[in-house]
Amino acid sequence: MKASPALVLYLSITVLHALPQQRQLRVRPSPSDNLPVPDLHEDPDPAYEPGDSDLAPRALRRKLGSGFDPIYSSIGRPATPGNGSEVTREDEIGLAGPVPQEFLELDLVELKAGPKTHRMVRRWLWGYTRCPVLSAWKDLGVRFWPRYVKEGHCSNERSCSLPEGMFCRPVESVSVALLRWHCHGRRALKRCTWIRAHYPVISQCGCAC
C-alpha cells in the first residue's frame, strides 16, 4: 500500500506517540559477517579450467550428492539474467498474508480512528519496516559447479524504522554446497580435481543499526 509523504509523516508522529516507550518495532538482529561474498579473483590462464570431460553433469551430480540445492543453485543458466542484472523480492508475496502478531498488538488508540483505519495503519507499518531479501543469480564461472548461485542482498535505500536510523541488514544466511575445480602444482605437472566447497548466501534481512 502506497502512502503520500504527508500521510507518512502524520502516521509516523501519531504512532510514535501511541507506542509505549519500552516497545520497539524491531528487535535488533545479529548481522551475518561479510555478505554477500565479494567477487573472486581467478587466475585467467585457461589451463586451470576444467575441460569438457570434467563437466559431465551426471558425474558431478553424483559427486555433489544430496548437497545439491535447486533453490539456491542452478546447473544451467537461469531464466532471469544473472550477475545482478535482475533483482527479485523473494517475499513480496508475503504482504498479501496476515499481519504479524507484533503489529496487531500495537496500541493505536491515540489515532482516534475506526477499525478499518487501524488495519490500514498496521499493514502500512508492517510494509514500511519489512526487509525483504533482494535476490539475483550470480555466475561464478566454469570453475564452480553448479556455476550459478542465487545471492541475496538487503536494500538500504531508506530507513526501515520509526524514527529513522535503522536499515535493512543481513541477519541469516544459508550455506550452498558446490564443487570447486582445484589445481595444484606447476602448470606442466599440475593435478586438478573437483573438491567440495560451501558458498554462503543471505537468506534473511532484518532492521538494524
Protein backbone atom coordinates (compact mmCIF):
# COMPACT_ATOMS: atom_id res chain seq x y z
CA MET A 1 0.00 0.00 0.00
CA LYS A 2 1.47 3.31 -1.07
CA ALA A 3 1.06 6.39 1.08
CA SER A 4 1.61 10.08 0.38
CA PRO A 5 4.53 11.85 2.14
CA ALA A 6 2.05 13.84 4.22
CA LEU A 7 0.27 10.67 5.38
CA VAL A 8 3.60 9.01 6.15
CA LEU A 9 4.64 11.98 8.30
CA TYR A 10 1.28 12.06 10.11
CA LEU A 11 1.28 8.33 10.79
CA SER A 12 4.89 8.40 11.95
CA ILE A 13 4.27 11.13 14.52
CA THR A 14 0.95 9.72 15.69
CA VAL A 15 2.13 6.11 16.02
CA LEU A 16 5.27 7.14 17.88
CA HIS A 17 3.08 8.81 20.49
CA ALA A 18 0.79 5.78 20.61
CA LEU A 19 3.59 3.28 21.22
CA PRO A 20 4.69 2.55 24.78
CA GLN A 21 8.20 3.84 25.47
CA GLN A 22 9.59 0.36 26.14
CA ARG A 23 8.29 -1.08 22.87
CA GLN A 24 10.25 -1.14 19.62
CA LEU A 25 9.03 -2.03 16.15
CA ARG A 26 12.01 -4.30 15.52
CA VAL A 27 14.39 -6.21 17.72
CA ARG A 28 17.97 -5.51 16.75
CA PRO A 29 19.30 -8.64 14.95
CA SER A 30 22.81 -10.04 14.84
CA PRO A 31 24.01 -9.45 11.26
CA SER A 32 25.87 -12.04 9.20
CA ASP A 33 29.53 -11.35 8.53
CA ASN A 34 30.82 -10.02 5.20
CA LEU A 35 27.93 -10.99 2.94
CA PRO A 36 27.38 -11.14 0.07
CA VAL A 37 30.69 -12.78 -0.85
CA PRO A 38 32.98 -10.46 -2.89
CA ASP A 39 33.85 -11.44 -6.43
CA LEU A 40 36.70 -13.95 -6.61
CA HIS A 41 39.89 -13.08 -8.45
CA GLU A 42 40.72 -16.11 -10.59
CA ASP A 43 43.91 -16.96 -12.50
CA PRO A 44 42.92 -16.12 -16.10
CA ASP A 45 45.03 -18.99 -17.50
CA PRO A 46 42.54 -21.36 -19.23
CA ALA A 47 44.88 -24.26 -18.41
CA TYR A 48 43.43 -24.13 -14.89
CA GLU A 49 39.87 -24.56 -16.10
CA PRO A 50 38.05 -27.90 -16.35
CA GLY A 51 37.73 -29.48 -19.76
CA ASP A 52 34.58 -30.86 -21.35
CA SER A 53 35.27 -34.32 -19.93
CA ASP A 54 35.42 -32.83 -16.42
CA LEU A 55 32.00 -31.23 -16.75
CA ALA A 56 29.82 -34.32 -17.18
CA PRO A 57 26.59 -33.32 -15.34
CA ARG A 58 25.72 -36.84 -14.14
CA ALA A 59 29.16 -37.48 -12.65
CA LEU A 60 29.22 -34.09 -10.94
CA ARG A 61 25.71 -34.55 -9.61
CA ARG A 62 26.74 -37.88 -8.08
CA LYS A 63 29.84 -36.27 -6.58
CA LEU A 64 27.83 -33.46 -5.00
CA GLY A 65 25.18 -35.92 -3.82
CA SER A 66 22.42 -34.71 -1.53
CA GLY A 67 24.19 -31.35 -1.13
CA PHE A 68 22.69 -30.08 -4.38
CA ASP A 69 20.23 -27.25 -3.64
CA PRO A 70 17.97 -26.37 -6.60
CA ILE A 71 16.60 -23.33 -4.74
CA TYR A 72 19.90 -21.50 -4.39
CA SER A 73 21.93 -23.04 -7.22
CA SER A 74 21.40 -23.84 -10.88
CA ILE A 75 23.30 -26.10 -13.28
CA GLY A 76 22.18 -24.22 -16.38
CA ARG A 77 21.77 -20.53 -16.99
CA PRO A 78 18.63 -19.38 -15.11
CA ALA A 79 15.69 -17.89 -16.98
CA THR A 80 16.36 -14.48 -15.43
CA PRO A 81 19.66 -12.75 -16.30
CA GLY A 82 22.46 -13.22 -13.81
CA ASN A 83 25.18 -11.14 -12.19
CA GLY A 84 22.69 -8.85 -10.50
CA SER A 85 21.03 -7.54 -13.66
CA GLU A 86 17.66 -8.84 -12.46
CA VAL A 87 16.68 -8.45 -8.82
CA THR A 88 13.58 -10.02 -7.30
CA ARG A 89 11.95 -9.53 -3.91
CA GLU A 90 11.75 -13.07 -2.58
CA ASP A 91 8.98 -12.49 -0.05
CA GLU A 92 7.00 -9.72 -1.71
CA ILE A 93 4.05 -12.12 -1.86
CA GLY A 94 4.05 -12.13 1.94
CA LEU A 95 2.36 -8.70 2.00
CA ALA A 96 -0.86 -10.41 0.98
CA GLY A 97 -0.79 -12.59 4.09
CA PRO A 98 -1.84 -11.86 7.66
CA VAL A 99 -0.16 -9.02 9.55
CA PRO A 100 2.33 -10.38 12.13
CA GLN A 101 1.21 -10.51 15.75
CA GLU A 102 3.66 -7.83 16.90
CA PHE A 103 1.83 -5.28 14.72
CA LEU A 104 -1.62 -6.47 15.77
CA GLU A 105 -0.67 -5.78 19.38
CA LEU A 106 0.24 -2.12 18.76
CA ASP A 107 -1.90 0.31 20.76
CA LEU A 108 -3.32 2.79 18.24
CA VAL A 109 -5.96 4.37 20.47
CA GLU A 110 -4.48 7.85 20.01
CA LEU A 111 -5.16 7.66 16.28
CA LYS A 112 -8.84 8.27 17.14
CA ALA A 113 -9.94 6.31 14.09
CA GLY A 114 -12.05 3.29 13.31
CA PRO A 115 -11.01 -0.38 12.96
CA LYS A 116 -10.55 -0.07 9.18
CA THR A 117 -8.02 2.75 9.58
CA HIS A 118 -6.23 0.79 12.31
CA ARG A 119 -5.92 -2.19 9.95
CA MET A 120 -4.54 0.06 7.21
CA VAL A 121 -2.02 1.65 9.59
CA ARG A 122 -0.83 -1.72 10.89
CA ARG A 123 -0.36 -3.06 7.35
CA TRP A 124 1.43 0.12 6.29
CA LEU A 125 3.77 -0.10 9.30
CA TRP A 126 4.46 -3.75 8.50
CA GLY A 127 5.31 -2.91 4.89
CA TYR A 128 7.43 0.08 5.93
CA THR A 129 9.58 -1.83 8.41
CA ARG A 130 9.91 -5.09 6.45
CA CYS A 131 13.25 -6.08 4.99
CA PRO A 132 12.68 -8.45 2.06
CA VAL A 133 15.62 -10.32 0.57
CA LEU A 134 16.56 -8.99 -2.87
CA SER A 135 17.98 -11.86 -4.88
CA ALA A 136 19.91 -12.15 -8.13
CA TRP A 137 21.56 -15.05 -9.92
CA LYS A 138 25.35 -14.82 -9.98
CA ASP A 139 27.58 -16.63 -12.47
CA LEU A 140 30.58 -17.97 -10.54
CA GLY A 141 32.31 -19.18 -13.68
CA VAL A 142 33.26 -22.55 -15.08
CA ARG A 143 35.44 -23.43 -12.09
CA PHE A 144 32.37 -23.91 -9.91
CA TRP A 145 29.59 -26.47 -10.29
CA PRO A 146 26.77 -25.62 -10.26
CA ARG A 147 28.14 -22.37 -11.60
CA TYR A 148 25.03 -20.27 -10.88
CA VAL A 149 24.16 -19.23 -7.31
CA LYS A 150 21.20 -17.16 -6.15
CA GLU A 151 22.69 -14.42 -3.97
CA GLY A 152 20.68 -12.37 -1.52
CA HIS A 153 21.04 -8.66 -0.83
CA CYS A 154 19.43 -6.32 1.69
CA SER A 155 18.13 -3.00 0.43
CA ASN A 156 19.43 0.09 2.26
CA GLU A 157 17.78 2.72 0.07
CA ARG A 158 15.84 4.10 3.03
CA SER A 159 15.49 3.64 6.77
CA CYS A 160 13.25 0.77 7.91
CA SER A 161 12.50 2.13 11.38
CA LEU A 162 10.36 4.76 13.07
CA PRO A 163 12.03 7.07 13.97
CA GLU A 164 14.59 6.73 11.18
CA GLY A 165 18.08 5.46 11.85
CA MET A 166 17.95 1.71 11.27
CA PHE A 167 18.47 -0.02 7.92
CA CYS A 168 17.99 -3.48 6.45
CA ARG A 169 20.98 -5.72 7.24
CA PRO A 170 21.76 -9.43 6.77
CA VAL A 171 20.62 -11.48 9.77
CA GLU A 172 20.64 -15.07 8.47
CA SER A 173 22.49 -16.98 5.78
CA VAL A 174 22.48 -20.44 4.25
CA SER A 175 25.47 -22.40 3.00
CA VAL A 176 25.16 -23.62 -0.58
CA ALA A 177 27.13 -26.77 -1.39
CA LEU A 178 29.19 -26.52 -4.60
CA LEU A 179 32.08 -28.24 -6.32
CA ARG A 180 35.22 -26.20 -6.86
CA TRP A 181 37.79 -27.03 -9.56
CA HIS A 182 41.12 -27.01 -7.73
CA CYS A 183 44.57 -27.32 -9.29
CA HIS A 184 47.92 -27.62 -7.55
CA GLY A 185 51.46 -27.99 -8.81
CA ARG A 186 53.25 -26.29 -11.69
CA ARG A 187 51.44 -25.69 -14.94
CA ALA A 188 53.07 -28.59 -16.80
CA LEU A 189 52.76 -31.02 -13.89
CA LYS A 190 49.58 -29.72 -12.32
CA ARG A 191 46.94 -32.01 -10.89
CA CYS A 192 43.34 -30.87 -10.81
CA THR A 193 40.18 -32.26 -9.26
CA TRP A 194 36.77 -31.24 -8.01
CA ILE A 195 36.58 -30.53 -4.27
CA ARG A 196 33.54 -29.72 -2.17
CA ALA A 197 33.05 -26.08 -1.19
CA HIS A 198 30.42 -24.07 0.66
CA TYR A 199 29.20 -20.68 -0.55
CA PRO A 200 27.21 -18.59 1.99
CA VAL A 201 24.29 -16.50 0.74
CA ILE A 202 21.96 -14.14 2.60
CA SER A 203 18.62 -15.81 3.35
CA GLN A 204 17.04 -13.20 5.65
CA CYS A 205 17.33 -9.47 6.21
CA GLY A 206 16.33 -7.54 9.32
CA CYS A 207 16.07 -3.94 10.51
CA ALA A 208 19.23 -2.98 12.45
CA CYS A 209 21.55 -0.11 13.28
